[in-house]
Amino acid sequence: SRLDGAPEMDYATDMFLTVFAIADEHLREAYPADGDIPAEHESRRNIIVDRPDRRLDYVSPETIWGFDETGLLLRCELGGFLRDDRQAMGYEAQAAYKWYNRERQKLNFTFRQILVVAEVGFLVTQIGDGATLEIINTPVTKIRVVFGLRGQPNVQQATTVETDFGTVSTVPVSEATI
């Protein structure tokens, strides 16, 4: 160090920093936009889907990212987004809206015999016919089969099918009309 108090280096021209920071904001997409909600909707449900794997990473222009073989600085001249998951999140928001915005009903029904009428994951779109037609639009989430056993005359054979719509099923969905 110099004893006369003069700096050994000029920090304005001789020192460069590359800083990485994580913001406390999260990437957010909404569908439909707040102003685009249909007027016939009496109430609105907000559904929050946590996707910590979705990111929006940005690098500033002139960011130093390394050195070449001669020791010269390598810079990201233009800057820009390194990773931008906004479009993918927009698609996910649209899919969730289309799923949750449909009229749905929970349904439980029992046959007094053993039948294969649906499989877990089937989407029950409607039940009945003509004047008794009801829209269901929920996937089968549970099937319970009771087998009658010899020596137990009080136990009747039955097949119970349940549908529910609280969560989106990860099972491949097929449609079934019952």
Protein backbone atom coordinates (compact mmCIF):
# COMPACT_ATOMS: atom_id res chain seq x y z
CA SER A 1 0.00 0.00 0.00
CA ARG A 2 1.04 3.54 -0.56
CA LEU A 3 1.88 5.69 2.40
CA ASP A 4 0.79 8.93 0.76
CA GLY A 5 -2.94 7.92 0.93
CA ALA A 6 -3.38 7.65 -2.82
CA PRO A 7 -5.46 4.59 -3.79
CA GLU A 8 -3.70 1.66 -5.45
CA MET A 9 -6.55 1.24 -7.88
CA ASP A 10 -9.38 3.28 -9.29
CA TYR A 11 -12.54 1.40 -8.39
CA ALA A 12 -14.50 3.17 -11.15
CA THR A 13 -12.37 1.64 -13.90
CA ASP A 14 -10.28 -1.17 -12.37
CA MET A 15 -12.90 -3.21 -10.50
CA PHE A 16 -15.82 -5.15 -11.92
CA LEU A 17 -18.50 -7.07 -10.05
CA THR A 18 -21.03 -9.58 -11.25
CA VAL A 19 -23.87 -9.90 -8.77
CA PHE A 20 -26.51 -12.62 -8.59
CA ALA A 21 -29.67 -11.84 -6.65
CA ILE A 22 -32.96 -13.63 -6.09
CA ALA A 23 -35.99 -11.39 -5.79
CA ASP A 24 -38.73 -12.11 -3.29
CA GLU A 25 -41.33 -11.82 -6.05
CA HIS A 26 -42.64 -14.91 -7.80
CA LEU A 27 -43.46 -15.41 -11.44
CA ARG A 28 -47.23 -14.93 -11.76
CA GLU A 29 -49.70 -15.52 -14.58
CA ALA A 30 -53.47 -15.15 -14.35
CA TYR A 31 -56.23 -16.24 -16.72
CA PRO A 32 -58.52 -14.60 -17.53
CA ALA A 33 -57.12 -11.18 -16.74
CA ASP A 34 -58.97 -9.44 -13.88
CA GLY A 35 -60.92 -7.18 -16.26
CA ASP A 36 -61.92 -10.09 -18.53
CA ILE A 37 -63.98 -12.11 -16.04
CA PRO A 38 -67.49 -12.72 -17.46
CA ALA A 39 -70.24 -10.68 -15.78
CA GLU A 40 -72.45 -13.76 -15.24
CA HIS A 41 -69.99 -15.10 -12.69
CA GLU A 42 -71.46 -14.18 -9.31
CA SER A 43 -68.34 -15.02 -7.40
CA ARG A 44 -64.76 -15.70 -8.27
CA ARG A 45 -62.50 -18.42 -6.94
CA ASN A 46 -58.79 -17.80 -6.99
CA ILE A 47 -56.79 -20.95 -7.46
CA ILE A 48 -53.10 -20.70 -6.67
CA VAL A 49 -50.87 -23.28 -8.31
CA ASP A 50 -47.41 -23.29 -6.77
CA ARG A 51 -44.77 -23.96 -9.43
CA PRO A 52 -41.34 -23.34 -7.86
CA ASP A 53 -39.68 -24.80 -10.97
CA ARG A 54 -40.97 -21.92 -13.14
CA ARG A 55 -38.53 -19.01 -13.49
CA LEU A 56 -37.84 -15.68 -15.14
CA ASP A 57 -34.07 -15.15 -15.27
CA TYR A 58 -32.60 -11.95 -16.69
CA VAL A 59 -28.99 -10.92 -17.34
CA SER A 60 -28.10 -7.23 -17.63
CA PRO A 61 -26.19 -5.89 -20.65
CA GLU A 62 -22.40 -5.88 -20.26
CA THR A 63 -22.51 -8.54 -17.53
CA ILE A 64 -19.12 -10.22 -17.16
CA TRP A 65 -19.50 -13.99 -17.24
CA GLY A 66 -15.93 -15.19 -17.49
CA PHE A 67 -12.44 -14.84 -19.02
CA ASP A 68 -11.04 -16.06 -22.32
CA GLU A 69 -7.75 -18.01 -22.58
CA THR A 70 -5.72 -14.77 -22.65
CA GLY A 71 -7.37 -13.36 -19.51
CA LEU A 72 -9.64 -10.86 -21.26
CA LEU A 73 -13.14 -10.40 -19.87
CA LEU A 74 -16.06 -12.14 -21.57
CA ARG A 75 -19.21 -10.06 -21.49
CA CYS A 76 -22.85 -10.59 -22.34
CA GLU A 77 -23.07 -7.61 -24.69
CA LEU A 78 -26.85 -7.27 -25.14
CA GLY A 79 -28.29 -8.87 -22.03
CA GLY A 80 -31.79 -10.27 -21.97
CA PHE A 81 -33.78 -13.19 -20.62
CA LEU A 82 -31.91 -16.44 -20.02
CA ARG A 83 -35.06 -18.30 -19.05
CA ASP A 84 -38.63 -17.11 -19.44
CA ASP A 85 -41.41 -19.48 -18.31
CA ARG A 86 -44.23 -16.92 -18.58
CA GLN A 87 -45.74 -18.45 -21.72
CA ALA A 88 -45.77 -21.96 -20.23
CA MET A 89 -47.39 -20.62 -17.07
CA GLY A 90 -49.98 -18.81 -19.19
CA TYR A 91 -50.89 -22.14 -20.84
CA GLU A 92 -51.15 -23.78 -17.41
CA ALA A 93 -53.41 -20.96 -16.17
CA GLN A 94 -55.69 -21.38 -19.21
CA ALA A 95 -55.90 -25.15 -18.67
CA ALA A 96 -56.75 -24.69 -14.98
CA TYR A 97 -59.42 -22.10 -15.87
CA LYS A 98 -61.00 -24.39 -18.45
CA TRP A 99 -61.02 -27.25 -15.93
CA TYR A 100 -62.43 -25.33 -12.96
CA ASN A 101 -64.82 -23.11 -14.93
CA ARG A 102 -67.04 -26.02 -16.06
CA GLU A 103 -70.28 -26.92 -14.31
CA ARG A 104 -69.57 -30.00 -12.17
CA GLN A 105 -71.33 -32.27 -9.76
CA LYS A 106 -70.07 -34.87 -7.34
CA LEU A 107 -71.70 -38.24 -7.92
CA ASN A 108 -71.85 -41.50 -5.95
CA PHE A 109 -73.87 -44.40 -7.27
CA THR A 110 -74.13 -48.08 -6.39
CA PHE A 111 -75.16 -51.08 -8.46
CA ARG A 112 -76.40 -54.13 -6.53
CA GLN A 113 -74.20 -56.36 -8.63
CA ILE A 114 -70.59 -56.52 -9.71
CA LEU A 115 -70.16 -54.46 -12.88
CA VAL A 116 -67.32 -52.76 -14.70
CA VAL A 117 -68.92 -49.47 -15.76
CA ALA A 118 -65.91 -47.18 -15.60
CA GLU A 119 -62.30 -46.98 -14.48
CA VAL A 120 -60.60 -44.53 -12.16
CA GLY A 121 -59.75 -41.47 -14.25
CA PHE A 122 -62.75 -41.73 -16.61
CA LEU A 123 -64.55 -38.41 -17.01
CA VAL A 124 -68.27 -38.85 -16.39
CA THR A 125 -69.80 -36.15 -18.57
CA GLN A 126 -73.47 -36.88 -17.98
CA ILE A 127 -75.89 -39.35 -16.47
CA GLY A 128 -79.42 -40.18 -17.52
CA ASP A 129 -81.24 -39.50 -20.77
CA GLY A 130 -83.85 -37.09 -22.10
CA ALA A 131 -85.73 -35.35 -19.28
CA THR A 132 -83.52 -36.99 -16.63
CA LEU A 133 -80.20 -35.91 -18.21
CA GLU A 134 -77.76 -34.39 -15.70
CA ILE A 135 -74.39 -32.83 -16.52
CA ILE A 136 -71.68 -34.25 -14.23
CA ASN A 137 -68.22 -33.43 -15.74
CA THR A 138 -66.20 -35.05 -12.97
CA PRO A 139 -63.66 -37.86 -13.07
CA VAL A 140 -64.13 -41.21 -11.36
CA THR A 141 -61.93 -41.09 -8.28
CA LYS A 142 -62.91 -44.28 -6.46
CA ILE A 143 -64.46 -47.67 -7.27
CA ARG A 144 -65.46 -50.04 -4.48
CA VAL A 145 -66.51 -53.61 -5.17
CA VAL A 146 -68.14 -55.79 -2.48
CA PHE A 147 -68.22 -59.53 -3.16
CA GLY A 148 -70.89 -61.67 -1.51
CA LEU A 149 -69.37 -64.65 0.29
CA ARG A 150 -70.84 -68.07 0.93
CA GLY A 151 -71.88 -68.38 4.50
CA GLN A 152 -72.55 -64.63 4.76
CA PRO A 153 -76.06 -64.17 3.35
CA ASN A 154 -76.35 -60.61 4.68
CA VAL A 155 -73.49 -59.34 2.50
CA GLN A 156 -74.79 -58.33 -0.93
CA GLN A 157 -72.65 -57.92 -4.00
CA ALA A 158 -72.28 -54.26 -5.05
CA THR A 159 -70.20 -51.89 -7.13
CA THR A 160 -69.93 -48.28 -5.94
CA VAL A 161 -68.50 -45.56 -8.18
CA GLU A 162 -67.55 -42.12 -6.84
CA THR A 163 -66.63 -38.97 -8.74
CA ASP A 164 -65.11 -35.78 -7.36
CA PHE A 165 -63.72 -32.54 -8.77
CA GLY A 166 -61.64 -30.98 -5.99
CA THR A 167 -58.36 -31.58 -7.78
CA VAL A 168 -57.25 -32.21 -11.31
CA SER A 169 -56.51 -35.91 -11.76
CA THR A 170 -53.06 -36.92 -12.96
CA VAL A 171 -54.55 -40.13 -14.35
CA PRO A 172 -55.08 -40.07 -18.13
CA VAL A 173 -58.71 -39.07 -18.65
CA SER A 174 -61.16 -40.80 -20.98
CA GLU A 175 -64.82 -39.83 -21.35
CA ALA A 176 -67.65 -42.10 -20.26
CA THR A 177 -71.40 -41.59 -20.32
CA ILE A 178 -73.17 -43.66 -17.70
